[in-house]
Amino acid sequence: MLHILVLFSFLLVSSAHAGVVDFCVADLSAPQGPAGYSCKPPAEVTADDFVYSGLSVPGNYSSLFNAAINIAFVDQFPGLNGLGLAMARADVNPGGVIPMHHHPGASETILIAKGTITAGLISSDNTVYLKTLNEGDIMVFPQGLLHFQVNTGKTQALFWVSFSSSNPGLQILSNALFSNNLPSEYIEKTTFIDDDEVKRLKALLGGSG
């Protein structure tokens, strides 16, 4: 009986090892499933699939947030597929903000490269963790928790962002409430914000209803 168990264990280990691949560069022409993209055939993979230069420049500037975000998720950088990581770049002018948001699919780490950023996160029991960060400081934001960053310095800030998923997802709280067609009366009842302010925010963020 023992030798059968040993043989069975060996077969399991061998099968698991046989199923391991070095990488799975995303085939962006195929649909994305819950586990990510399917793999590009290895014969079609090149060195360029493992290199991305898009973060050498700031992203598109938002006058509303007074900041620019540039991302390197799997859709921009196919070599990340299946590796459980992604990156981004944030350029934030004085007084600018990365508004309250969360990533349903990943934890986030930021590294301050330049300037001063005040960052905060809110736990599920509504405890606030707030810290002013300077060049070289690192802060982590656990998966799914609301968090934000504000440039509280006098000069432009730059920070680098890493995620624990190649597709971390993003939901900005203000957009979730005011950028869609959820009727104003329900927003007012569930947030205790008055009608005039709800309509002002919907107009600002492109919502209706």
N, C-alpha and C. Protein backbone atom coordinates (compact mmCIF):
# COMPACT_ATOMS: atom_id res chain seq x y z
N MET A 1 0.83 -1.20 0.00
CA MET A 1 0.00 0.00 0.00
C MET A 1 0.87 1.26 0.00
N LEU A 2 1.97 1.21 0.79
CA LEU A 2 2.84 2.36 0.90
C LEU A 2 3.46 2.72 -0.45
N HIS A 3 3.90 1.68 -1.20
CA HIS A 3 4.56 1.97 -2.48
C HIS A 3 3.58 2.56 -3.49
N ILE A 4 2.28 2.22 -3.35
CA ILE A 4 1.27 2.81 -4.23
C ILE A 4 1.11 4.30 -3.93
N LEU A 5 1.11 4.64 -2.64
CA LEU A 5 0.99 6.05 -2.23
C LEU A 5 2.19 6.84 -2.70
N VAL A 6 3.39 6.25 -2.58
CA VAL A 6 4.60 6.94 -3.03
C VAL A 6 4.55 7.18 -4.53
N LEU A 7 4.13 6.16 -5.28
CA LEU A 7 4.03 6.29 -6.73
C LEU A 7 3.02 7.37 -7.11
N PHE A 8 1.87 7.39 -6.41
CA PHE A 8 0.82 8.37 -6.68
C PHE A 8 1.33 9.78 -6.41
N SER A 9 2.06 9.95 -5.30
CA SER A 9 2.62 11.25 -4.96
C SER A 9 3.61 11.70 -6.02
N PHE A 10 4.44 10.75 -6.50
CA PHE A 10 5.42 11.08 -7.53
C PHE A 10 4.74 11.53 -8.82
N LEU A 11 3.66 10.85 -9.18
CA LEU A 11 2.94 11.21 -10.39
C LEU A 11 2.32 12.60 -10.27
N LEU A 12 1.80 12.93 -9.07
CA LEU A 12 1.22 14.25 -8.86
C LEU A 12 2.28 15.33 -9.01
N VAL A 13 3.43 15.13 -8.37
CA VAL A 13 4.51 16.11 -8.46
C VAL A 13 5.00 16.25 -9.89
N SER A 14 5.15 15.13 -10.58
CA SER A 14 5.61 15.17 -11.97
C SER A 14 4.63 15.90 -12.87
N SER A 15 3.32 15.66 -12.64
CA SER A 15 2.30 16.32 -13.46
C SER A 15 2.31 17.82 -13.23
N ALA A 16 2.46 18.22 -11.94
CA ALA A 16 2.48 19.65 -11.62
C ALA A 16 3.68 20.31 -12.27
N HIS A 17 4.84 19.63 -12.22
CA HIS A 17 6.04 20.20 -12.82
C HIS A 17 5.89 20.31 -14.33
N ALA A 18 5.26 19.31 -14.94
CA ALA A 18 5.09 19.31 -16.39
C ALA A 18 4.18 20.44 -16.83
N GLY A 19 3.28 20.89 -15.94
CA GLY A 19 2.35 21.94 -16.31
C GLY A 19 2.91 23.34 -16.12
N VAL A 20 4.11 23.45 -15.55
CA VAL A 20 4.71 24.76 -15.32
C VAL A 20 5.30 25.30 -16.62
N VAL A 21 5.00 26.57 -16.92
CA VAL A 21 5.60 27.22 -18.09
C VAL A 21 6.39 28.42 -17.61
N ASP A 22 7.35 28.85 -18.41
CA ASP A 22 8.20 29.97 -18.02
C ASP A 22 7.44 31.28 -17.97
N PHE A 23 6.50 31.47 -18.89
CA PHE A 23 5.76 32.72 -19.00
C PHE A 23 4.52 32.50 -19.85
N CYS A 24 3.66 33.49 -19.84
CA CYS A 24 2.43 33.43 -20.65
C CYS A 24 2.15 34.84 -21.16
N VAL A 25 2.90 35.24 -22.17
CA VAL A 25 2.69 36.56 -22.76
C VAL A 25 1.27 36.62 -23.32
N ALA A 26 0.55 37.68 -22.98
CA ALA A 26 -0.86 37.77 -23.34
C ALA A 26 -1.07 37.85 -24.85
N ASP A 27 -2.02 37.08 -25.30
CA ASP A 27 -2.49 37.19 -26.69
C ASP A 27 -3.66 38.18 -26.66
N LEU A 28 -3.38 39.44 -26.93
CA LEU A 28 -4.39 40.48 -26.81
C LEU A 28 -5.47 40.40 -27.88
N SER A 29 -5.25 39.56 -28.88
CA SER A 29 -6.27 39.39 -29.91
C SER A 29 -7.35 38.41 -29.47
N ALA A 30 -7.11 37.69 -28.38
CA ALA A 30 -8.07 36.73 -27.84
C ALA A 30 -8.86 37.39 -26.71
N PRO A 31 -10.06 36.89 -26.41
CA PRO A 31 -10.84 37.47 -25.30
C PRO A 31 -10.17 37.21 -23.96
N GLN A 32 -10.38 38.12 -23.03
CA GLN A 32 -9.84 37.96 -21.68
C GLN A 32 -10.84 37.24 -20.81
N GLY A 33 -10.40 36.18 -20.12
CA GLY A 33 -11.26 35.43 -19.22
C GLY A 33 -10.94 35.75 -17.78
N PRO A 34 -11.62 35.09 -16.83
CA PRO A 34 -11.39 35.34 -15.40
C PRO A 34 -9.94 35.12 -14.98
N ALA A 35 -9.24 34.21 -15.66
CA ALA A 35 -7.85 33.91 -15.32
C ALA A 35 -6.87 34.75 -16.13
N GLY A 36 -7.36 35.69 -16.93
CA GLY A 36 -6.49 36.52 -17.75
C GLY A 36 -6.58 36.15 -19.22
N TYR A 37 -5.59 36.59 -19.96
CA TYR A 37 -5.55 36.30 -21.39
C TYR A 37 -4.92 34.92 -21.63
N SER A 38 -5.25 34.33 -22.76
CA SER A 38 -4.56 33.12 -23.18
C SER A 38 -3.15 33.50 -23.64
N CYS A 39 -2.29 32.50 -23.77
CA CYS A 39 -0.88 32.74 -24.05
C CYS A 39 -0.62 32.89 -25.55
N LYS A 40 0.23 33.81 -25.89
CA LYS A 40 0.74 33.90 -27.24
C LYS A 40 1.62 32.67 -27.50
N PRO A 41 1.56 32.08 -28.69
CA PRO A 41 2.43 30.94 -28.98
C PRO A 41 3.90 31.30 -28.72
N PRO A 42 4.64 30.45 -28.02
CA PRO A 42 6.04 30.77 -27.68
C PRO A 42 6.88 31.17 -28.88
N ALA A 43 6.62 30.58 -30.03
CA ALA A 43 7.40 30.90 -31.23
C ALA A 43 7.20 32.34 -31.68
N GLU A 44 6.09 32.97 -31.22
CA GLU A 44 5.80 34.35 -31.61
C GLU A 44 6.27 35.37 -30.58
N VAL A 45 6.75 34.89 -29.45
CA VAL A 45 7.21 35.78 -28.39
C VAL A 45 8.58 36.35 -28.74
N THR A 46 8.75 37.67 -28.49
CA THR A 46 10.04 38.32 -28.74
C THR A 46 10.48 39.06 -27.48
N ALA A 47 11.70 39.56 -27.51
CA ALA A 47 12.22 40.34 -26.37
C ALA A 47 11.35 41.55 -26.09
N ASP A 48 10.74 42.12 -27.12
CA ASP A 48 9.90 43.31 -26.94
C ASP A 48 8.69 43.03 -26.05
N ASP A 49 8.26 41.77 -25.97
CA ASP A 49 7.12 41.44 -25.12
C ASP A 49 7.45 41.59 -23.63
N PHE A 50 8.74 41.63 -23.30
CA PHE A 50 9.16 41.74 -21.90
C PHE A 50 9.65 43.14 -21.55
N VAL A 51 9.45 44.08 -22.46
CA VAL A 51 9.91 45.46 -22.26
C VAL A 51 8.76 46.41 -22.53
N TYR A 52 8.62 47.44 -21.68
CA TYR A 52 7.60 48.47 -21.89
C TYR A 52 8.22 49.81 -21.55
N SER A 53 8.14 50.77 -22.47
CA SER A 53 8.76 52.08 -22.28
C SER A 53 7.76 53.19 -22.02
N GLY A 54 6.48 52.83 -21.89
CA GLY A 54 5.43 53.83 -21.78
C GLY A 54 5.48 54.69 -20.54
N LEU A 55 6.14 54.22 -19.49
CA LEU A 55 6.17 54.98 -18.25
C LEU A 55 7.29 56.02 -18.21
N SER A 56 7.98 56.19 -19.34
CA SER A 56 9.05 57.20 -19.40
C SER A 56 8.48 58.61 -19.46
N VAL A 57 7.19 58.73 -19.72
CA VAL A 57 6.54 60.04 -19.82
C VAL A 57 5.27 60.04 -18.96
N PRO A 58 4.82 61.22 -18.53
CA PRO A 58 3.55 61.28 -17.78
C PRO A 58 2.38 60.82 -18.63
N GLY A 59 1.29 60.42 -17.96
CA GLY A 59 0.07 60.04 -18.65
C GLY A 59 -0.74 61.26 -19.04
N ASN A 60 -1.98 61.01 -19.44
CA ASN A 60 -2.88 62.11 -19.81
C ASN A 60 -3.24 62.93 -18.58
N TYR A 61 -3.12 64.24 -18.72
CA TYR A 61 -3.35 65.16 -17.60
C TYR A 61 -4.84 65.37 -17.38
N SER A 62 -5.26 65.35 -16.12
CA SER A 62 -6.65 65.66 -15.75
C SER A 62 -6.68 67.01 -15.05
N SER A 63 -7.38 67.97 -15.63
CA SER A 63 -7.49 69.28 -14.99
C SER A 63 -8.33 69.20 -13.72
N LEU A 64 -9.24 68.24 -13.67
CA LEU A 64 -10.08 68.08 -12.48
C LEU A 64 -9.25 67.61 -11.29
N PHE A 65 -8.36 66.64 -11.54
CA PHE A 65 -7.54 66.10 -10.46
C PHE A 65 -6.20 66.82 -10.33
N ASN A 66 -5.84 67.63 -11.34
CA ASN A 66 -4.55 68.32 -11.37
C ASN A 66 -3.41 67.31 -11.28
N ALA A 67 -3.56 66.23 -12.03
CA ALA A 67 -2.60 65.13 -11.97
C ALA A 67 -2.67 64.32 -13.26
N ALA A 68 -1.66 63.48 -13.46
CA ALA A 68 -1.61 62.60 -14.61
C ALA A 68 -1.21 61.21 -14.16
N ILE A 69 -1.89 60.20 -14.68
CA ILE A 69 -1.59 58.80 -14.37
C ILE A 69 -1.26 58.07 -15.67
N ASN A 70 -0.19 57.30 -15.64
CA ASN A 70 0.18 56.47 -16.77
C ASN A 70 0.32 55.04 -16.25
N ILE A 71 -0.35 54.09 -16.89
CA ILE A 71 -0.39 52.74 -16.36
C ILE A 71 0.34 51.74 -17.26
N ALA A 72 0.84 50.69 -16.63
CA ALA A 72 1.40 49.55 -17.34
C ALA A 72 0.73 48.31 -16.79
N PHE A 73 -0.51 48.09 -17.26
CA PHE A 73 -1.27 46.89 -16.92
C PHE A 73 -1.09 45.91 -18.08
N VAL A 74 -1.72 44.76 -17.98
CA VAL A 74 -1.51 43.73 -18.99
C VAL A 74 -1.95 44.19 -20.38
N ASP A 75 -2.95 45.06 -20.46
CA ASP A 75 -3.41 45.53 -21.77
C ASP A 75 -2.37 46.41 -22.46
N GLN A 76 -1.52 47.07 -21.67
CA GLN A 76 -0.45 47.87 -22.24
C GLN A 76 0.85 47.08 -22.36
N PHE A 77 1.04 46.11 -21.47
CA PHE A 77 2.31 45.39 -21.34
C PHE A 77 2.01 43.89 -21.27
N PRO A 78 1.83 43.23 -22.41
CA PRO A 78 1.37 41.84 -22.45
C PRO A 78 2.27 40.85 -21.69
N GLY A 79 3.55 41.19 -21.52
CA GLY A 79 4.45 40.30 -20.80
C GLY A 79 4.10 40.11 -19.35
N LEU A 80 3.24 40.98 -18.79
CA LEU A 80 2.83 40.86 -17.40
C LEU A 80 1.81 39.75 -17.17
N ASN A 81 1.20 39.27 -18.22
CA ASN A 81 0.11 38.31 -18.09
C ASN A 81 0.51 37.11 -17.22
N GLY A 82 -0.28 36.86 -16.19
CA GLY A 82 -0.05 35.71 -15.33
C GLY A 82 1.03 35.87 -14.28
N LEU A 83 1.71 37.01 -14.26
CA LEU A 83 2.83 37.19 -13.32
C LEU A 83 2.42 37.82 -11.99
N GLY A 84 1.19 38.34 -11.92
CA GLY A 84 0.72 38.91 -10.65
C GLY A 84 1.36 40.23 -10.29
N LEU A 85 1.60 41.07 -11.28
CA LEU A 85 2.16 42.39 -11.00
C LEU A 85 1.84 43.35 -12.13
N ALA A 86 1.87 44.64 -11.80
CA ALA A 86 1.68 45.72 -12.76
C ALA A 86 2.29 46.97 -12.15
N MET A 87 2.42 48.03 -12.96
CA MET A 87 3.00 49.27 -12.47
C MET A 87 2.23 50.46 -13.02
N ALA A 88 2.51 51.62 -12.43
CA ALA A 88 1.94 52.87 -12.92
C ALA A 88 2.85 54.02 -12.50
N ARG A 89 2.62 55.14 -13.12
CA ARG A 89 3.35 56.38 -12.82
C ARG A 89 2.33 57.46 -12.52
N ALA A 90 2.56 58.22 -11.44
CA ALA A 90 1.66 59.32 -11.07
C ALA A 90 2.45 60.62 -10.98
N ASP A 91 2.05 61.61 -11.76
CA ASP A 91 2.63 62.96 -11.70
C ASP A 91 1.53 63.88 -11.16
N VAL A 92 1.79 64.50 -10.01
CA VAL A 92 0.75 65.25 -9.32
C VAL A 92 1.26 66.66 -9.03
N ASN A 93 0.54 67.65 -9.54
CA ASN A 93 0.91 69.04 -9.30
C ASN A 93 0.56 69.45 -7.87
N PRO A 94 1.15 70.54 -7.36
CA PRO A 94 0.81 71.00 -6.01
C PRO A 94 -0.71 71.18 -5.87
N GLY A 95 -1.26 70.60 -4.82
CA GLY A 95 -2.70 70.65 -4.61
C GLY A 95 -3.46 69.60 -5.38
N GLY A 96 -2.79 68.87 -6.27
CA GLY A 96 -3.45 67.83 -7.05
C GLY A 96 -3.75 66.60 -6.22
N VAL A 97 -4.60 65.74 -6.77
CA VAL A 97 -5.09 64.60 -5.99
C VAL A 97 -5.29 63.38 -6.87
N ILE A 98 -4.98 62.24 -6.33
CA ILE A 98 -5.46 60.97 -6.85
C ILE A 98 -6.65 60.63 -5.97
N PRO A 99 -7.87 60.77 -6.46
CA PRO A 99 -9.05 60.77 -5.57
C PRO A 99 -9.30 59.40 -4.93
N MET A 100 -10.18 59.42 -3.96
CA MET A 100 -10.53 58.21 -3.21
C MET A 100 -10.95 57.10 -4.18
N HIS A 101 -10.28 55.94 -4.08
CA HIS A 101 -10.54 54.84 -5.01
C HIS A 101 -10.13 53.53 -4.36
N HIS A 102 -10.39 52.44 -5.05
CA HIS A 102 -9.89 51.16 -4.59
C HIS A 102 -9.63 50.27 -5.79
N HIS A 103 -8.82 49.24 -5.56
CA HIS A 103 -8.50 48.25 -6.58
C HIS A 103 -9.04 46.90 -6.11
N PRO A 104 -10.12 46.42 -6.73
CA PRO A 104 -10.73 45.16 -6.26
C PRO A 104 -9.84 43.95 -6.46
N GLY A 105 -8.84 44.05 -7.36
CA GLY A 105 -8.06 42.86 -7.69
C GLY A 105 -6.62 42.87 -7.24
N ALA A 106 -6.21 43.88 -6.44
CA ALA A 106 -4.78 43.93 -6.10
C ALA A 106 -4.51 44.84 -4.92
N SER A 107 -3.41 44.56 -4.23
CA SER A 107 -2.83 45.50 -3.28
C SER A 107 -1.93 46.45 -4.07
N GLU A 108 -1.67 47.61 -3.48
CA GLU A 108 -0.89 48.66 -4.15
C GLU A 108 0.25 49.11 -3.25
N THR A 109 1.40 49.38 -3.85
CA THR A 109 2.53 49.96 -3.15
C THR A 109 2.99 51.18 -3.92
N ILE A 110 3.26 52.29 -3.21
CA ILE A 110 3.79 53.47 -3.88
C ILE A 110 5.17 53.81 -3.34
N LEU A 111 6.01 54.34 -4.22
CA LEU A 111 7.35 54.80 -3.88
C LEU A 111 7.48 56.24 -4.33
N ILE A 112 7.72 57.14 -3.40
CA ILE A 112 7.82 58.56 -3.73
C ILE A 112 9.19 58.84 -4.35
N ALA A 113 9.18 59.30 -5.60
CA ALA A 113 10.42 59.60 -6.30
C ALA A 113 10.79 61.08 -6.19
N LYS A 114 9.77 61.92 -6.04
CA LYS A 114 10.01 63.37 -5.98
C LYS A 114 8.83 64.04 -5.31
N GLY A 115 9.10 65.03 -4.46
CA GLY A 115 8.04 65.81 -3.86
C GLY A 115 7.49 65.23 -2.58
N THR A 116 6.33 65.75 -2.19
CA THR A 116 5.68 65.38 -0.93
C THR A 116 4.24 64.96 -1.20
N ILE A 117 3.88 63.81 -0.73
CA ILE A 117 2.53 63.28 -0.91
C ILE A 117 1.95 62.91 0.45
N THR A 118 0.73 63.36 0.72
CA THR A 118 -0.01 62.87 1.89
C THR A 118 -0.98 61.81 1.39
N ALA A 119 -0.85 60.62 1.94
CA ALA A 119 -1.64 59.48 1.48
C ALA A 119 -2.41 58.88 2.66
N GLY A 120 -3.55 58.31 2.34
CA GLY A 120 -4.36 57.70 3.39
C GLY A 120 -5.13 56.52 2.89
N LEU A 121 -5.46 55.64 3.82
CA LEU A 121 -6.33 54.51 3.52
C LEU A 121 -7.33 54.35 4.64
N ILE A 122 -8.46 53.73 4.30
CA ILE A 122 -9.54 53.52 5.28
C ILE A 122 -9.81 52.03 5.36
N SER A 123 -9.71 51.48 6.56
CA SER A 123 -9.93 50.04 6.74
C SER A 123 -11.42 49.74 6.75
N SER A 124 -11.76 48.46 6.76
CA SER A 124 -13.17 48.05 6.72
C SER A 124 -13.92 48.40 8.00
N ASP A 125 -13.18 48.73 9.08
CA ASP A 125 -13.86 49.20 10.30
C ASP A 125 -13.83 50.72 10.40
N ASN A 126 -13.54 51.38 9.28
CA ASN A 126 -13.54 52.83 9.12
C ASN A 126 -12.43 53.54 9.89
N THR A 127 -11.36 52.84 10.22
CA THR A 127 -10.18 53.46 10.78
C THR A 127 -9.37 54.10 9.65
N VAL A 128 -8.92 55.34 9.88
CA VAL A 128 -8.16 56.07 8.88
C VAL A 128 -6.66 55.99 9.21
N TYR A 129 -5.86 55.67 8.20
CA TYR A 129 -4.40 55.64 8.35
C TYR A 129 -3.84 56.68 7.38
N LEU A 130 -3.28 57.77 7.94
CA LEU A 130 -2.87 58.93 7.16
C LEU A 130 -1.39 59.22 7.41
N LYS A 131 -0.65 59.47 6.33
CA LYS A 131 0.79 59.71 6.49
C LYS A 131 1.28 60.64 5.39
N THR A 132 2.14 61.59 5.76
CA THR A 132 2.81 62.43 4.78
C THR A 132 4.13 61.77 4.40
N LEU A 133 4.32 61.59 3.09
CA LEU A 133 5.46 60.84 2.56
C LEU A 133 6.39 61.76 1.80
N ASN A 134 7.68 61.50 1.91
CA ASN A 134 8.68 62.26 1.18
C ASN A 134 9.52 61.33 0.31
N GLU A 135 10.42 61.91 -0.46
CA GLU A 135 11.23 61.14 -1.39
C GLU A 135 11.85 59.90 -0.75
N GLY A 136 11.65 58.76 -1.38
CA GLY A 136 12.19 57.50 -0.88
C GLY A 136 11.26 56.72 0.01
N ASP A 137 10.17 57.36 0.47
CA ASP A 137 9.21 56.67 1.33
C ASP A 137 8.33 55.72 0.51
N ILE A 138 7.93 54.63 1.15
CA ILE A 138 7.07 53.62 0.53
C ILE A 138 5.84 53.44 1.42
N MET A 139 4.67 53.28 0.80
CA MET A 139 3.44 53.00 1.55
C MET A 139 2.65 51.94 0.81
N VAL A 140 2.03 51.05 1.55
CA VAL A 140 1.25 49.97 0.96
C VAL A 140 -0.23 50.17 1.26
N PHE A 141 -1.07 49.79 0.30
CA PHE A 141 -2.53 49.91 0.43
C PHE A 141 -3.12 48.53 0.16
N PRO A 142 -3.63 47.86 1.19
CA PRO A 142 -4.14 46.48 1.03
C PRO A 142 -5.29 46.41 0.03
N GLN A 143 -5.40 45.29 -0.61
CA GLN A 143 -6.39 45.05 -1.66
C GLN A 143 -7.80 45.39 -1.21
N GLY A 144 -8.49 46.14 -2.05
CA GLY A 144 -9.90 46.43 -1.84
C GLY A 144 -10.20 47.60 -0.93
N LEU A 145 -9.19 48.16 -0.23
CA LEU A 145 -9.46 49.25 0.71
C LEU A 145 -9.42 50.60 -0.01
N LEU A 146 -10.32 51.49 0.40
CA LEU A 146 -10.33 52.85 -0.14
C LEU A 146 -9.05 53.58 0.25
N HIS A 147 -8.48 54.34 -0.70
CA HIS A 147 -7.27 55.09 -0.42
C HIS A 147 -7.16 56.27 -1.38
N PHE A 148 -6.23 57.17 -1.10
CA PHE A 148 -6.07 58.38 -1.91
C PHE A 148 -4.66 58.93 -1.71
N GLN A 149 -4.27 59.85 -2.59
CA GLN A 149 -3.01 60.56 -2.46
C GLN A 149 -3.22 62.03 -2.85
N VAL A 150 -2.60 62.94 -2.08
CA VAL A 150 -2.71 64.37 -2.32
C VAL A 150 -1.30 64.97 -2.28
N ASN A 151 -1.00 65.85 -3.25
CA ASN A 151 0.26 66.56 -3.21
C ASN A 151 0.12 67.74 -2.25
N THR A 152 0.70 67.61 -1.07
CA THR A 152 0.63 68.67 -0.06
C THR A 152 1.91 69.49 -0.02
N GLY A 153 2.79 69.28 -0.99
CA GLY A 153 4.02 70.05 -1.06
C GLY A 153 3.87 71.26 -1.97
N LYS A 154 5.00 71.93 -2.23
CA LYS A 154 4.99 73.15 -3.03
C LYS A 154 5.53 72.92 -4.44
N THR A 155 5.95 71.68 -4.72
CA THR A 155 6.49 71.36 -6.04
C THR A 155 5.77 70.13 -6.60
N GLN A 156 5.96 69.89 -7.89
CA GLN A 156 5.34 68.72 -8.49
C GLN A 156 5.88 67.44 -7.84
N ALA A 157 5.01 66.48 -7.66
CA ALA A 157 5.40 65.19 -7.08
C ALA A 157 5.32 64.10 -8.14
N LEU A 158 6.21 63.15 -8.01
CA LEU A 158 6.22 61.97 -8.87
C LEU A 158 6.32 60.75 -7.97
N PHE A 159 5.41 59.79 -8.18
CA PHE A 159 5.58 58.53 -7.48
C PHE A 159 5.27 57.36 -8.38
N TRP A 160 5.95 56.25 -8.08
CA TRP A 160 5.79 55.01 -8.83
C TRP A 160 4.89 54.07 -8.06
N VAL A 161 4.09 53.33 -8.79
CA VAL A 161 3.07 52.47 -8.19
C VAL A 161 3.29 51.04 -8.68
N SER A 162 3.21 50.08 -7.77
CA SER A 162 3.22 48.67 -8.18
C SER A 162 1.97 48.00 -7.63
N PHE A 163 1.49 47.00 -8.34
CA PHE A 163 0.28 46.26 -7.97
C PHE A 163 0.58 44.76 -7.94
N SER A 164 -0.20 44.05 -7.15
CA SER A 164 -0.01 42.60 -7.00
C SER A 164 -0.84 41.81 -8.00
N SER A 165 -1.22 42.45 -9.10
CA SER A 165 -1.97 41.79 -10.17
C SER A 165 -1.64 42.49 -11.47
N SER A 166 -1.66 41.75 -12.58
CA SER A 166 -1.44 42.39 -13.87
C SER A 166 -2.67 43.15 -14.35
N ASN A 167 -3.79 42.97 -13.65
CA ASN A 167 -5.02 43.68 -13.99
C ASN A 167 -5.75 44.01 -12.69
N PRO A 168 -5.28 45.03 -11.95
CA PRO A 168 -5.78 45.29 -10.58
C PRO A 168 -7.20 45.83 -10.51
N GLY A 169 -7.71 46.39 -11.61
CA GLY A 169 -9.03 47.00 -11.57
C GLY A 169 -8.97 48.35 -10.86
N LEU A 170 -9.97 49.16 -11.09
CA LEU A 170 -10.02 50.50 -10.48
C LEU A 170 -11.46 50.97 -10.39
N GLN A 171 -11.84 51.46 -9.22
CA GLN A 171 -13.13 52.14 -9.06
C GLN A 171 -12.90 53.40 -8.23
N ILE A 172 -13.18 54.55 -8.85
CA ILE A 172 -13.06 55.84 -8.16
C ILE A 172 -14.40 56.13 -7.49
N LEU A 173 -14.37 56.42 -6.21
CA LEU A 173 -15.60 56.55 -5.42
C LEU A 173 -16.52 57.63 -5.98
N SER A 174 -15.97 58.81 -6.26
CA SER A 174 -16.82 59.91 -6.75
C SER A 174 -17.45 59.57 -8.10
N ASN A 175 -16.70 58.91 -8.97
CA ASN A 175 -17.26 58.51 -10.26
C ASN A 175 -18.34 57.45 -10.11
N ALA A 176 -18.14 56.54 -9.16
CA ALA A 176 -19.14 55.50 -8.93
C ALA A 176 -20.48 56.09 -8.52
N LEU A 177 -20.43 57.21 -7.82
CA LEU A 177 -21.66 57.83 -7.34
C LEU A 177 -22.26 58.83 -8.33
N PHE A 178 -21.40 59.58 -9.04
CA PHE A 178 -21.89 60.74 -9.77
C PHE A 178 -21.62 60.73 -11.27
N SER A 179 -20.99 59.68 -11.79
CA SER A 179 -20.69 59.65 -13.24
C SER A 179 -21.63 58.75 -14.02
N ASN A 180 -22.70 58.29 -13.40
CA ASN A 180 -23.60 57.36 -14.09
C ASN A 180 -25.03 57.91 -14.06
N ASN A 181 -25.99 57.04 -14.34
CA ASN A 181 -27.39 57.48 -14.40
C ASN A 181 -28.19 57.03 -13.19
N LEU A 182 -27.52 56.72 -12.08
CA LEU A 182 -28.25 56.39 -10.85
C LEU A 182 -29.09 57.60 -10.45
N PRO A 183 -30.41 57.44 -10.29
CA PRO A 183 -31.26 58.59 -9.97
C PRO A 183 -30.79 59.35 -8.74
N SER A 184 -30.83 60.67 -8.84
CA SER A 184 -30.33 61.52 -7.76
C SER A 184 -31.02 61.23 -6.42
N GLU A 185 -32.30 60.90 -6.46
CA GLU A 185 -33.03 60.69 -5.21
C GLU A 185 -32.43 59.54 -4.39
N TYR A 186 -31.92 58.52 -5.09
CA TYR A 186 -31.34 57.38 -4.36
C TYR A 186 -29.95 57.73 -3.82
N ILE A 187 -29.21 58.54 -4.56
CA ILE A 187 -27.92 59.01 -4.05
C ILE A 187 -28.14 59.85 -2.80
N GLU A 188 -29.14 60.73 -2.86
CA GLU A 188 -29.43 61.60 -1.72
C GLU A 188 -29.84 60.79 -0.49
N LYS A 189 -30.66 59.78 -0.69
CA LYS A 189 -31.13 58.97 0.44
C LYS A 189 -30.00 58.12 1.05
N THR A 190 -29.10 57.64 0.20
CA THR A 190 -28.07 56.71 0.70
C THR A 190 -26.78 57.39 1.13
N THR A 191 -26.59 58.66 0.74
CA THR A 191 -25.37 59.38 1.13
C THR A 191 -25.65 60.57 2.03
N PHE A 192 -26.93 60.97 2.16
CA PHE A 192 -27.33 62.13 2.97
C PHE A 192 -26.79 63.44 2.41
N ILE A 193 -26.50 63.46 1.10
CA ILE A 193 -26.07 64.67 0.41
C ILE A 193 -27.30 65.33 -0.19
N ASP A 194 -27.39 66.67 -0.07
CA ASP A 194 -28.61 67.34 -0.53
C ASP A 194 -28.69 67.38 -2.06
N ASP A 195 -29.88 67.67 -2.56
CA ASP A 195 -30.17 67.59 -3.98
C ASP A 195 -29.30 68.52 -4.80
N ASP A 196 -29.08 69.75 -4.35
CA ASP A 196 -28.28 70.71 -5.12
C ASP A 196 -26.85 70.21 -5.29
N GLU A 197 -26.29 69.64 -4.23
CA GLU A 197 -24.90 69.17 -4.31
C GLU A 197 -24.79 67.93 -5.19
N VAL A 198 -25.76 67.04 -5.13
CA VAL A 198 -25.76 65.86 -6.00
C VAL A 198 -25.81 66.29 -7.46
N LYS A 199 -26.67 67.23 -7.77
CA LYS A 199 -26.79 67.69 -9.16
C LYS A 199 -25.52 68.41 -9.61
N ARG A 200 -24.88 69.15 -8.70
CA ARG A 200 -23.63 69.83 -9.04
C ARG A 200 -22.54 68.81 -9.37
N LEU A 201 -22.44 67.77 -8.55
CA LEU A 201 -21.42 66.76 -8.76
C LEU A 201 -21.70 65.92 -10.01
N LYS A 202 -22.97 65.63 -10.26
CA LYS A 202 -23.31 64.92 -11.49
C LYS A 202 -22.93 65.75 -12.72
N ALA A 203 -23.18 67.04 -12.68
CA ALA A 203 -22.82 67.91 -13.80
C ALA A 203 -21.30 67.96 -13.97
N LEU A 204 -20.58 67.98 -12.86
CA LEU A 204 -19.13 68.05 -12.90
C LEU A 204 -18.51 66.78 -13.46
N LEU A 205 -19.08 65.63 -13.09
CA LEU A 205 -18.48 64.35 -13.43
C LEU A 205 -19.19 63.62 -14.58
N GLY A 206 -20.16 64.28 -15.18
CA GLY A 206 -20.77 63.71 -16.38
C GLY A 206 -21.92 62.75 -16.14
N GLY A 207 -22.49 62.77 -14.94
CA GLY A 207 -23.60 61.87 -14.65
C GLY A 207 -24.93 62.46 -15.10
N SER A 208 -25.99 61.65 -14.94
CA SER A 208 -27.33 62.09 -15.28
C SER A 208 -28.32 61.41 -14.33
N GLY A 209 -29.58 61.82 -14.41
CA GLY A 209 -30.61 61.19 -13.58
C GLY A 209 -30.94 61.95 -12.33
